[in-house]
Amino acid sequence: MIVRRYLNEDDELAQHLTDQLNTPLDRPESGELNTGHIASIAAATACDVAYDQAANGHLVDLFAALPLPGTPEGREFWASLGEAGGQAAWNIVPANAGGPFFDYLLNGNEGGIAFRVLSFVGELDDERRAAVAEVIGDALKDTFVGGGARYLGKLWLRDAENSAWHVMLASRRKQETREDRERFLDAWGNA
């Protein structure tokens, strides 16, 4: 939808392609793949990649807001989080996730971190979720103003869960085939 709405002859990407390829947007006019089509494909690909990277980047930013492992504050924080979260915390604590935790992103396995975050949050019962929110909020309260520790911790958990869900949905979409998409459209069209 973004591509259809904003891509036209005045679009910067389309202008760049016409300048670089030295062709008008409708060339060739035979109905084959033309410069305008190439611009549309490039824009759609950029949007999809940007969305995936934004969700992953945001998930990393959430972890970057927490105390760093290996520091005195980090050791205390992660130990407290492990105690508050119980077995569920093993999905994300550095002692278990280790260095490769964020290397997943570099190696193209965006779902690796997201899966761990969803497993962590999904395994928390209400009591443990409140305790984890308190630990996270205590770590964030000096950096972020307003709402109190428990509130900040709840926001962090909710945001991490939503971001991880976006990453997992995007990963699922990459596995779809054209037949899957057509079956989906047919089912909804015939409903």
N, C-alpha and C. Protein backbone atom coordinates (compact mmCIF):
# COMPACT_ATOMS: atom_id res chain seq x y z
N MET A 1 0.82 -1.19 0.00
CA MET A 1 0.00 0.00 0.00
C MET A 1 0.86 1.25 0.00
N ILE A 2 1.92 1.27 0.78
CA ILE A 2 2.81 2.42 0.81
C ILE A 2 3.39 2.65 -0.58
N VAL A 3 3.81 1.56 -1.22
CA VAL A 3 4.43 1.69 -2.53
C VAL A 3 3.43 2.22 -3.54
N ARG A 4 2.22 1.67 -3.57
CA ARG A 4 1.21 2.12 -4.54
C ARG A 4 0.82 3.57 -4.32
N ARG A 5 0.78 3.99 -3.08
CA ARG A 5 0.30 5.33 -2.79
C ARG A 5 1.33 6.40 -3.12
N TYR A 6 2.60 6.12 -2.88
CA TYR A 6 3.61 7.16 -3.00
C TYR A 6 4.54 7.03 -4.19
N LEU A 7 4.52 5.94 -4.89
CA LEU A 7 5.44 5.76 -5.99
C LEU A 7 4.82 6.30 -7.27
N ASN A 8 5.40 7.35 -7.81
CA ASN A 8 4.96 7.92 -9.07
C ASN A 8 6.16 8.54 -9.76
N GLU A 9 5.92 9.30 -10.82
CA GLU A 9 7.04 9.84 -11.56
C GLU A 9 7.85 10.86 -10.76
N ASP A 10 7.30 11.38 -9.68
CA ASP A 10 8.03 12.35 -8.86
C ASP A 10 8.78 11.68 -7.71
N ASP A 11 8.64 10.38 -7.57
CA ASP A 11 9.29 9.66 -6.49
C ASP A 11 10.80 9.70 -6.68
N GLU A 12 11.54 9.88 -5.57
CA GLU A 12 13.00 9.99 -5.65
C GLU A 12 13.64 8.72 -6.20
N LEU A 13 13.13 7.55 -5.77
CA LEU A 13 13.69 6.30 -6.27
C LEU A 13 13.45 6.17 -7.77
N ALA A 14 12.26 6.48 -8.21
CA ALA A 14 11.97 6.40 -9.64
C ALA A 14 12.85 7.37 -10.42
N GLN A 15 13.03 8.57 -9.91
CA GLN A 15 13.88 9.55 -10.58
C GLN A 15 15.32 9.08 -10.61
N HIS A 16 15.79 8.49 -9.53
CA HIS A 16 17.15 7.97 -9.50
C HIS A 16 17.33 6.88 -10.56
N LEU A 17 16.37 5.98 -10.65
CA LEU A 17 16.48 4.90 -11.64
C LEU A 17 16.44 5.44 -13.06
N THR A 18 15.57 6.41 -13.32
CA THR A 18 15.51 6.95 -14.68
C THR A 18 16.80 7.68 -15.02
N ASP A 19 17.39 8.35 -14.03
CA ASP A 19 18.67 9.04 -14.28
C ASP A 19 19.79 8.03 -14.51
N GLN A 20 19.85 7.01 -13.66
CA GLN A 20 20.93 6.03 -13.76
C GLN A 20 20.80 5.15 -15.01
N LEU A 21 19.56 4.79 -15.34
CA LEU A 21 19.35 3.92 -16.50
C LEU A 21 19.12 4.70 -17.79
N ASN A 22 18.96 6.02 -17.64
CA ASN A 22 18.71 6.90 -18.78
C ASN A 22 17.50 6.43 -19.59
N THR A 23 16.42 6.10 -18.88
CA THR A 23 15.19 5.66 -19.54
C THR A 23 14.01 6.31 -18.86
N PRO A 24 12.94 6.57 -19.61
CA PRO A 24 11.71 7.08 -18.96
C PRO A 24 11.06 5.95 -18.16
N LEU A 25 10.16 6.32 -17.24
CA LEU A 25 9.53 5.32 -16.38
C LEU A 25 8.75 4.27 -17.16
N ASP A 26 8.17 4.64 -18.30
CA ASP A 26 7.34 3.68 -19.05
C ASP A 26 8.11 2.96 -20.15
N ARG A 27 9.43 3.02 -20.16
CA ARG A 27 10.20 2.36 -21.19
C ARG A 27 10.62 0.99 -20.74
N PRO A 28 10.52 -0.05 -21.48
CA PRO A 28 9.90 -0.08 -22.80
C PRO A 28 8.38 -0.05 -22.69
N GLU A 29 7.74 0.46 -23.72
CA GLU A 29 6.29 0.64 -23.72
C GLU A 29 5.52 -0.62 -24.09
N SER A 30 6.23 -1.70 -24.33
CA SER A 30 5.60 -2.93 -24.81
C SER A 30 4.84 -3.68 -23.72
N GLY A 31 4.81 -3.15 -22.51
CA GLY A 31 4.10 -3.84 -21.43
C GLY A 31 4.98 -4.80 -20.66
N GLU A 32 6.25 -4.90 -21.07
CA GLU A 32 7.18 -5.74 -20.34
C GLU A 32 7.63 -5.00 -19.08
N LEU A 33 8.56 -5.58 -18.39
CA LEU A 33 9.11 -4.95 -17.19
C LEU A 33 9.78 -3.63 -17.59
N ASN A 34 9.23 -2.53 -17.05
CA ASN A 34 9.79 -1.23 -17.39
C ASN A 34 10.43 -0.58 -16.17
N THR A 35 10.97 0.60 -16.35
CA THR A 35 11.67 1.30 -15.27
C THR A 35 10.75 1.55 -14.09
N GLY A 36 9.51 1.88 -14.34
CA GLY A 36 8.54 2.09 -13.26
C GLY A 36 8.31 0.83 -12.46
N HIS A 37 8.22 -0.32 -13.16
CA HIS A 37 8.06 -1.60 -12.46
C HIS A 37 9.27 -1.90 -11.58
N ILE A 38 10.45 -1.64 -12.12
CA ILE A 38 11.68 -1.88 -11.35
C ILE A 38 11.68 -1.01 -10.10
N ALA A 39 11.26 0.26 -10.24
CA ALA A 39 11.19 1.16 -9.08
C ALA A 39 10.20 0.62 -8.05
N SER A 40 9.07 0.11 -8.50
CA SER A 40 8.07 -0.45 -7.58
C SER A 40 8.61 -1.66 -6.83
N ILE A 41 9.29 -2.54 -7.55
CA ILE A 41 9.86 -3.74 -6.93
C ILE A 41 10.92 -3.34 -5.91
N ALA A 42 11.78 -2.40 -6.27
CA ALA A 42 12.84 -1.96 -5.36
C ALA A 42 12.25 -1.31 -4.11
N ALA A 43 11.21 -0.50 -4.28
CA ALA A 43 10.59 0.17 -3.14
C ALA A 43 9.91 -0.84 -2.22
N ALA A 44 9.22 -1.82 -2.80
CA ALA A 44 8.54 -2.83 -1.99
C ALA A 44 9.55 -3.64 -1.20
N THR A 45 10.64 -4.02 -1.83
CA THR A 45 11.69 -4.77 -1.15
C THR A 45 12.30 -3.95 -0.03
N ALA A 46 12.55 -2.68 -0.30
CA ALA A 46 13.14 -1.81 0.73
C ALA A 46 12.19 -1.67 1.92
N CYS A 47 10.89 -1.54 1.66
CA CYS A 47 9.92 -1.42 2.76
C CYS A 47 9.91 -2.68 3.61
N ASP A 48 9.91 -3.84 2.97
CA ASP A 48 9.85 -5.10 3.69
C ASP A 48 11.10 -5.29 4.54
N VAL A 49 12.27 -5.05 3.94
CA VAL A 49 13.52 -5.19 4.67
C VAL A 49 13.59 -4.17 5.80
N ALA A 50 13.19 -2.94 5.53
CA ALA A 50 13.24 -1.90 6.55
C ALA A 50 12.33 -2.25 7.72
N TYR A 51 11.16 -2.81 7.45
CA TYR A 51 10.24 -3.18 8.52
C TYR A 51 10.86 -4.26 9.40
N ASP A 52 11.43 -5.29 8.77
CA ASP A 52 12.07 -6.37 9.53
C ASP A 52 13.23 -5.83 10.36
N GLN A 53 14.06 -5.01 9.74
CA GLN A 53 15.21 -4.48 10.45
C GLN A 53 14.80 -3.54 11.58
N ALA A 54 13.73 -2.78 11.37
CA ALA A 54 13.26 -1.88 12.42
C ALA A 54 12.77 -2.66 13.63
N ALA A 55 12.03 -3.73 13.41
CA ALA A 55 11.54 -4.54 14.53
C ALA A 55 12.70 -5.19 15.27
N ASN A 56 13.66 -5.73 14.54
CA ASN A 56 14.83 -6.33 15.18
C ASN A 56 15.66 -5.28 15.90
N GLY A 57 15.86 -4.14 15.25
CA GLY A 57 16.63 -3.06 15.86
C GLY A 57 15.99 -2.58 17.15
N HIS A 58 14.68 -2.49 17.14
CA HIS A 58 13.97 -2.05 18.34
C HIS A 58 14.12 -3.07 19.47
N LEU A 59 14.09 -4.34 19.14
CA LEU A 59 14.29 -5.38 20.14
C LEU A 59 15.69 -5.27 20.76
N VAL A 60 16.68 -5.03 19.92
CA VAL A 60 18.05 -4.84 20.42
C VAL A 60 18.11 -3.58 21.29
N ASP A 61 17.44 -2.50 20.86
CA ASP A 61 17.42 -1.26 21.66
C ASP A 61 16.83 -1.49 23.05
N LEU A 62 15.81 -2.33 23.13
CA LEU A 62 15.22 -2.63 24.43
C LEU A 62 16.24 -3.29 25.35
N PHE A 63 17.01 -4.23 24.82
CA PHE A 63 18.04 -4.87 25.62
C PHE A 63 19.18 -3.91 25.95
N ALA A 64 19.48 -3.00 25.03
CA ALA A 64 20.55 -2.03 25.26
C ALA A 64 20.20 -1.07 26.40
N ALA A 65 18.92 -0.91 26.69
CA ALA A 65 18.50 -0.04 27.79
C ALA A 65 18.74 -0.69 29.15
N LEU A 66 18.96 -1.99 29.17
CA LEU A 66 19.18 -2.73 30.42
C LEU A 66 20.66 -2.69 30.78
N PRO A 67 21.00 -2.93 32.04
CA PRO A 67 22.41 -2.98 32.44
C PRO A 67 23.17 -4.04 31.65
N LEU A 68 24.40 -3.69 31.28
CA LEU A 68 25.22 -4.57 30.45
C LEU A 68 25.77 -5.76 31.23
N PRO A 69 25.75 -6.94 30.63
CA PRO A 69 26.37 -8.10 31.29
C PRO A 69 27.86 -7.83 31.48
N GLY A 70 28.42 -8.38 32.52
CA GLY A 70 29.85 -8.23 32.76
C GLY A 70 30.22 -7.00 33.58
N THR A 71 29.28 -6.10 33.78
CA THR A 71 29.51 -4.94 34.64
C THR A 71 28.97 -5.26 36.02
N PRO A 72 29.42 -4.55 37.05
CA PRO A 72 28.86 -4.82 38.39
C PRO A 72 27.34 -4.65 38.42
N GLU A 73 26.83 -3.57 37.80
CA GLU A 73 25.38 -3.37 37.76
C GLU A 73 24.70 -4.47 36.97
N GLY A 74 25.33 -4.88 35.89
CA GLY A 74 24.77 -5.93 35.05
C GLY A 74 24.69 -7.26 35.75
N ARG A 75 25.76 -7.61 36.45
CA ARG A 75 25.74 -8.89 37.18
C ARG A 75 24.61 -8.91 38.20
N GLU A 76 24.45 -7.81 38.93
CA GLU A 76 23.39 -7.73 39.93
C GLU A 76 22.01 -7.77 39.27
N PHE A 77 21.87 -7.00 38.17
CA PHE A 77 20.58 -6.96 37.47
C PHE A 77 20.19 -8.33 36.94
N TRP A 78 21.09 -8.98 36.20
CA TRP A 78 20.77 -10.25 35.56
C TRP A 78 20.54 -11.36 36.59
N ALA A 79 21.25 -11.29 37.70
CA ALA A 79 21.00 -12.26 38.78
C ALA A 79 19.61 -12.04 39.37
N SER A 80 19.24 -10.76 39.58
CA SER A 80 17.91 -10.44 40.11
C SER A 80 16.82 -10.84 39.12
N LEU A 81 17.07 -10.61 37.84
CA LEU A 81 16.08 -10.99 36.82
C LEU A 81 15.91 -12.50 36.79
N GLY A 82 17.01 -13.24 36.90
CA GLY A 82 16.93 -14.70 36.93
C GLY A 82 16.15 -15.20 38.12
N GLU A 83 16.34 -14.56 39.26
CA GLU A 83 15.61 -14.94 40.47
C GLU A 83 14.12 -14.61 40.33
N ALA A 84 13.83 -13.43 39.81
CA ALA A 84 12.42 -13.01 39.67
C ALA A 84 11.70 -13.82 38.59
N GLY A 85 12.39 -14.13 37.50
CA GLY A 85 11.76 -14.82 36.38
C GLY A 85 11.79 -16.33 36.47
N GLY A 86 12.60 -16.85 37.37
CA GLY A 86 12.69 -18.30 37.51
C GLY A 86 13.22 -18.96 36.24
N GLN A 87 12.71 -20.14 35.96
CA GLN A 87 13.14 -20.92 34.79
C GLN A 87 12.93 -20.16 33.49
N ALA A 88 11.89 -19.35 33.40
CA ALA A 88 11.61 -18.60 32.17
C ALA A 88 12.75 -17.67 31.80
N ALA A 89 13.42 -17.11 32.81
CA ALA A 89 14.50 -16.15 32.56
C ALA A 89 15.67 -16.76 31.81
N TRP A 90 15.82 -18.10 31.87
CA TRP A 90 16.91 -18.75 31.16
C TRP A 90 16.82 -18.55 29.66
N ASN A 91 15.67 -18.14 29.18
CA ASN A 91 15.54 -17.86 27.75
C ASN A 91 16.33 -16.63 27.32
N ILE A 92 16.57 -15.68 28.25
CA ILE A 92 17.22 -14.43 27.84
C ILE A 92 18.44 -14.04 28.66
N VAL A 93 18.70 -14.67 29.80
CA VAL A 93 19.84 -14.23 30.61
C VAL A 93 21.15 -14.51 29.87
N PRO A 94 22.12 -13.59 29.97
CA PRO A 94 23.38 -13.75 29.24
C PRO A 94 24.12 -15.05 29.54
N ALA A 95 24.01 -15.56 30.76
CA ALA A 95 24.70 -16.81 31.11
C ALA A 95 24.23 -17.96 30.23
N ASN A 96 22.99 -17.93 29.80
CA ASN A 96 22.46 -18.99 28.95
C ASN A 96 22.49 -18.59 27.47
N ALA A 97 22.08 -17.36 27.19
CA ALA A 97 22.04 -16.90 25.80
C ALA A 97 23.44 -16.62 25.28
N GLY A 98 24.28 -16.03 26.15
CA GLY A 98 25.68 -15.78 25.82
C GLY A 98 25.88 -14.83 24.65
N GLY A 99 27.10 -14.77 24.19
CA GLY A 99 27.48 -13.89 23.10
C GLY A 99 26.70 -14.10 21.81
N PRO A 100 26.40 -15.35 21.44
CA PRO A 100 25.68 -15.57 20.19
C PRO A 100 24.27 -15.00 20.15
N PHE A 101 23.76 -14.57 21.30
CA PHE A 101 22.38 -14.07 21.37
C PHE A 101 22.11 -13.02 20.29
N PHE A 102 22.96 -12.02 20.19
CA PHE A 102 22.74 -10.98 19.20
C PHE A 102 23.45 -11.28 17.87
N ASP A 103 24.33 -12.28 17.87
CA ASP A 103 24.93 -12.70 16.60
C ASP A 103 23.89 -13.32 15.67
N TYR A 104 22.78 -13.81 16.25
CA TYR A 104 21.72 -14.36 15.40
C TYR A 104 21.29 -13.34 14.36
N LEU A 105 21.18 -12.09 14.77
CA LEU A 105 20.76 -11.04 13.84
C LEU A 105 21.76 -10.88 12.70
N LEU A 106 23.04 -10.92 13.04
CA LEU A 106 24.08 -10.76 12.03
C LEU A 106 24.12 -11.93 11.06
N ASN A 107 23.71 -13.09 11.53
CA ASN A 107 23.75 -14.29 10.69
C ASN A 107 22.43 -14.57 9.98
N GLY A 108 21.50 -13.63 10.05
CA GLY A 108 20.25 -13.78 9.32
C GLY A 108 19.18 -14.57 10.02
N ASN A 109 19.38 -14.91 11.29
CA ASN A 109 18.36 -15.64 12.04
C ASN A 109 17.64 -14.68 12.97
N GLU A 110 16.83 -13.79 12.37
CA GLU A 110 16.16 -12.76 13.14
C GLU A 110 15.21 -13.35 14.16
N GLY A 111 14.67 -14.52 13.88
CA GLY A 111 13.71 -15.13 14.78
C GLY A 111 14.33 -15.71 16.04
N GLY A 112 15.66 -15.86 16.08
CA GLY A 112 16.31 -16.47 17.23
C GLY A 112 16.07 -15.70 18.51
N ILE A 113 16.31 -14.40 18.49
CA ILE A 113 16.09 -13.56 19.68
C ILE A 113 14.60 -13.45 19.95
N ALA A 114 13.83 -13.21 18.92
CA ALA A 114 12.39 -13.04 19.09
C ALA A 114 11.77 -14.27 19.73
N PHE A 115 12.17 -15.45 19.28
CA PHE A 115 11.64 -16.68 19.85
C PHE A 115 11.98 -16.78 21.34
N ARG A 116 13.21 -16.43 21.70
CA ARG A 116 13.61 -16.47 23.11
C ARG A 116 12.81 -15.48 23.95
N VAL A 117 12.60 -14.27 23.41
CA VAL A 117 11.82 -13.26 24.15
C VAL A 117 10.39 -13.73 24.34
N LEU A 118 9.78 -14.25 23.29
CA LEU A 118 8.40 -14.74 23.42
C LEU A 118 8.31 -15.92 24.38
N SER A 119 9.32 -16.79 24.35
CA SER A 119 9.33 -17.91 25.29
C SER A 119 9.45 -17.40 26.72
N PHE A 120 10.32 -16.43 26.91
CA PHE A 120 10.51 -15.85 28.24
C PHE A 120 9.21 -15.26 28.77
N VAL A 121 8.61 -14.37 28.00
CA VAL A 121 7.39 -13.69 28.45
C VAL A 121 6.23 -14.68 28.57
N GLY A 122 6.14 -15.61 27.65
CA GLY A 122 5.05 -16.58 27.66
C GLY A 122 5.07 -17.53 28.85
N GLU A 123 6.25 -17.79 29.38
CA GLU A 123 6.38 -18.72 30.50
C GLU A 123 6.18 -18.06 31.86
N LEU A 124 6.07 -16.73 31.89
CA LEU A 124 5.90 -16.02 33.16
C LEU A 124 4.44 -16.08 33.61
N ASP A 125 4.21 -16.51 34.84
CA ASP A 125 2.86 -16.38 35.40
C ASP A 125 2.72 -14.94 35.92
N ASP A 126 1.54 -14.58 36.37
CA ASP A 126 1.28 -13.20 36.78
C ASP A 126 2.22 -12.73 37.88
N GLU A 127 2.47 -13.60 38.83
CA GLU A 127 3.33 -13.23 39.96
C GLU A 127 4.77 -12.98 39.50
N ARG A 128 5.28 -13.89 38.69
CA ARG A 128 6.65 -13.73 38.18
C ARG A 128 6.75 -12.54 37.22
N ARG A 129 5.71 -12.33 36.42
CA ARG A 129 5.72 -11.19 35.50
C ARG A 129 5.80 -9.88 36.27
N ALA A 130 5.07 -9.77 37.37
CA ALA A 130 5.11 -8.57 38.21
C ALA A 130 6.50 -8.40 38.82
N ALA A 131 7.10 -9.51 39.27
CA ALA A 131 8.44 -9.45 39.87
C ALA A 131 9.49 -9.04 38.83
N VAL A 132 9.38 -9.59 37.62
CA VAL A 132 10.30 -9.24 36.55
C VAL A 132 10.13 -7.77 36.16
N ALA A 133 8.90 -7.32 36.08
CA ALA A 133 8.63 -5.92 35.75
C ALA A 133 9.28 -5.00 36.78
N GLU A 134 9.22 -5.39 38.03
CA GLU A 134 9.83 -4.59 39.11
C GLU A 134 11.35 -4.52 38.94
N VAL A 135 11.98 -5.65 38.64
CA VAL A 135 13.44 -5.69 38.46
C VAL A 135 13.84 -4.83 37.26
N ILE A 136 13.14 -4.99 36.14
CA ILE A 136 13.47 -4.22 34.94
C ILE A 136 13.21 -2.74 35.19
N GLY A 137 12.08 -2.43 35.79
CA GLY A 137 11.74 -1.04 36.07
C GLY A 137 12.74 -0.37 36.99
N ASP A 138 13.23 -1.10 38.02
CA ASP A 138 14.25 -0.55 38.90
C ASP A 138 15.51 -0.18 38.12
N ALA A 139 15.86 -1.01 37.13
CA ALA A 139 17.04 -0.73 36.32
C ALA A 139 16.82 0.46 35.39
N LEU A 140 15.59 0.70 34.99
CA LEU A 140 15.29 1.78 34.04
C LEU A 140 14.94 3.11 34.69
N LYS A 141 14.56 3.10 35.96
CA LYS A 141 13.98 4.29 36.58
C LYS A 141 14.92 5.48 36.64
N ASP A 142 16.23 5.27 36.68
CA ASP A 142 17.15 6.39 36.70
C ASP A 142 17.37 6.99 35.32
N THR A 143 17.11 6.21 34.29
CA THR A 143 17.28 6.68 32.92
C THR A 143 16.02 7.34 32.38
N PHE A 144 14.87 6.78 32.73
CA PHE A 144 13.60 7.26 32.21
C PHE A 144 12.76 7.85 33.34
N VAL A 145 12.16 8.99 33.08
CA VAL A 145 11.40 9.68 34.11
C VAL A 145 9.92 9.35 33.98
N GLY A 146 9.28 9.14 35.12
CA GLY A 146 7.83 9.00 35.11
C GLY A 146 7.33 7.59 35.24
N GLY A 147 6.26 7.45 36.00
CA GLY A 147 5.53 6.20 36.04
C GLY A 147 5.95 5.21 37.10
N GLY A 148 7.13 5.33 37.66
CA GLY A 148 7.55 4.38 38.66
C GLY A 148 8.16 3.13 38.05
N ALA A 149 8.88 2.40 38.90
CA ALA A 149 9.63 1.23 38.44
C ALA A 149 8.75 0.14 37.85
N ARG A 150 7.69 -0.23 38.55
CA ARG A 150 6.85 -1.33 38.06
C ARG A 150 6.23 -0.97 36.71
N TYR A 151 5.78 0.28 36.57
CA TYR A 151 5.18 0.73 35.31
C TYR A 151 6.19 0.67 34.16
N LEU A 152 7.41 1.17 34.39
CA LEU A 152 8.44 1.11 33.35
C LEU A 152 8.76 -0.33 32.97
N GLY A 153 8.83 -1.19 33.97
CA GLY A 153 9.09 -2.60 33.69
C GLY A 153 7.99 -3.24 32.88
N LYS A 154 6.74 -2.90 33.19
CA LYS A 154 5.61 -3.43 32.41
C LYS A 154 5.67 -2.93 30.98
N LEU A 155 6.03 -1.66 30.79
CA LEU A 155 6.16 -1.13 29.43
C LEU A 155 7.26 -1.87 28.66
N TRP A 156 8.39 -2.11 29.32
CA TRP A 156 9.49 -2.81 28.67
C TRP A 156 9.04 -4.20 28.24
N LEU A 157 8.41 -4.93 29.15
CA LEU A 157 7.95 -6.28 28.82
C LEU A 157 6.94 -6.28 27.67
N ARG A 158 5.99 -5.36 27.72
CA ARG A 158 4.97 -5.28 26.68
C ARG A 158 5.61 -4.94 25.33
N ASP A 159 6.54 -3.99 25.35
CA ASP A 159 7.20 -3.59 24.11
C ASP A 159 8.07 -4.72 23.56
N ALA A 160 8.79 -5.42 24.43
CA ALA A 160 9.62 -6.54 23.99
C ALA A 160 8.76 -7.64 23.38
N GLU A 161 7.64 -7.92 24.02
CA GLU A 161 6.73 -8.95 23.52
C GLU A 161 6.17 -8.57 22.15
N ASN A 162 5.72 -7.33 22.01
CA ASN A 162 5.17 -6.87 20.73
C ASN A 162 6.23 -6.85 19.63
N SER A 163 7.42 -6.38 19.96
CA SER A 163 8.49 -6.33 18.95
C SER A 163 8.88 -7.74 18.51
N ALA A 164 8.98 -8.65 19.47
CA ALA A 164 9.32 -10.04 19.13
C ALA A 164 8.23 -10.66 18.25
N TRP A 165 6.98 -10.34 18.55
CA TRP A 165 5.87 -10.85 17.76
C TRP A 165 5.96 -10.32 16.32
N HIS A 166 6.31 -9.05 16.15
CA HIS A 166 6.46 -8.48 14.81
C HIS A 166 7.56 -9.22 14.04
N VAL A 167 8.67 -9.50 14.71
CA VAL A 167 9.76 -10.23 14.06
C VAL A 167 9.32 -11.63 13.65
N MET A 168 8.62 -12.32 14.54
CA MET A 168 8.16 -13.67 14.22
C MET A 168 7.16 -13.67 13.06
N LEU A 169 6.26 -12.69 13.04
CA LEU A 169 5.32 -12.59 11.92
C LEU A 169 6.06 -12.35 10.61
N ALA A 170 7.04 -11.46 10.64
CA ALA A 170 7.81 -11.17 9.43
C ALA A 170 8.56 -12.41 8.97
N SER A 171 9.09 -13.20 9.92
CA SER A 171 9.80 -14.43 9.57
C SER A 171 8.85 -15.44 8.92
N ARG A 172 7.64 -15.52 9.43
CA ARG A 172 6.64 -16.42 8.87
C ARG A 172 6.31 -16.01 7.44
N ARG A 173 6.19 -14.71 7.23
CA ARG A 173 5.82 -14.21 5.91
C ARG A 173 6.87 -14.56 4.87
N LYS A 174 8.13 -14.63 5.28
CA LYS A 174 9.20 -14.97 4.34
C LYS A 174 9.07 -16.39 3.83
N GLN A 175 8.38 -17.26 4.59
CA GLN A 175 8.24 -18.66 4.21
C GLN A 175 7.05 -18.89 3.28
N GLU A 176 6.20 -17.88 3.11
CA GLU A 176 5.01 -18.06 2.28
C GLU A 176 5.37 -18.15 0.81
N THR A 177 4.59 -18.94 0.10
CA THR A 177 4.74 -19.05 -1.34
C THR A 177 3.61 -18.27 -2.02
N ARG A 178 3.70 -18.16 -3.31
CA ARG A 178 2.64 -17.48 -4.04
C ARG A 178 1.33 -18.24 -3.89
N GLU A 179 1.40 -19.57 -3.85
CA GLU A 179 0.19 -20.37 -3.66
C GLU A 179 -0.45 -20.10 -2.30
N ASP A 180 0.39 -19.94 -1.28
CA ASP A 180 -0.13 -19.61 0.06
C ASP A 180 -0.89 -18.28 0.01
N ARG A 181 -0.30 -17.30 -0.65
CA ARG A 181 -0.93 -15.98 -0.75
C ARG A 181 -2.24 -16.07 -1.52
N GLU A 182 -2.24 -16.80 -2.64
CA GLU A 182 -3.47 -16.95 -3.43
C GLU A 182 -4.55 -17.69 -2.65
N ARG A 183 -4.17 -18.73 -1.91
CA ARG A 183 -5.13 -19.46 -1.09
C ARG A 183 -5.74 -18.53 -0.03
N PHE A 184 -4.90 -17.70 0.58
CA PHE A 184 -5.37 -16.73 1.57
C PHE A 184 -6.37 -15.76 0.94
N LEU A 185 -6.02 -15.19 -0.19
CA LEU A 185 -6.91 -14.22 -0.85
C LEU A 185 -8.21 -14.86 -1.31
N ASP A 186 -8.12 -16.08 -1.83
CA ASP A 186 -9.33 -16.80 -2.26
C ASP A 186 -10.24 -17.07 -1.07
N ALA A 187 -9.66 -17.52 0.04
CA ALA A 187 -10.48 -17.84 1.22
C ALA A 187 -11.19 -16.60 1.73
N TRP A 188 -10.51 -15.49 1.79
CA TRP A 188 -11.14 -14.26 2.28
C TRP A 188 -12.09 -13.68 1.24
N GLY A 189 -11.76 -13.86 -0.02
CA GLY A 189 -12.65 -13.37 -1.07
C GLY A 189 -13.96 -14.15 -1.14
N ASN A 190 -13.90 -15.42 -0.79
CA ASN A 190 -15.09 -16.28 -0.85
C ASN A 190 -15.85 -16.38 0.47
N ALA A 191 -15.36 -15.70 1.49
CA ALA A 191 -15.99 -15.81 2.82
C ALA A 191 -17.36 -15.17 2.82
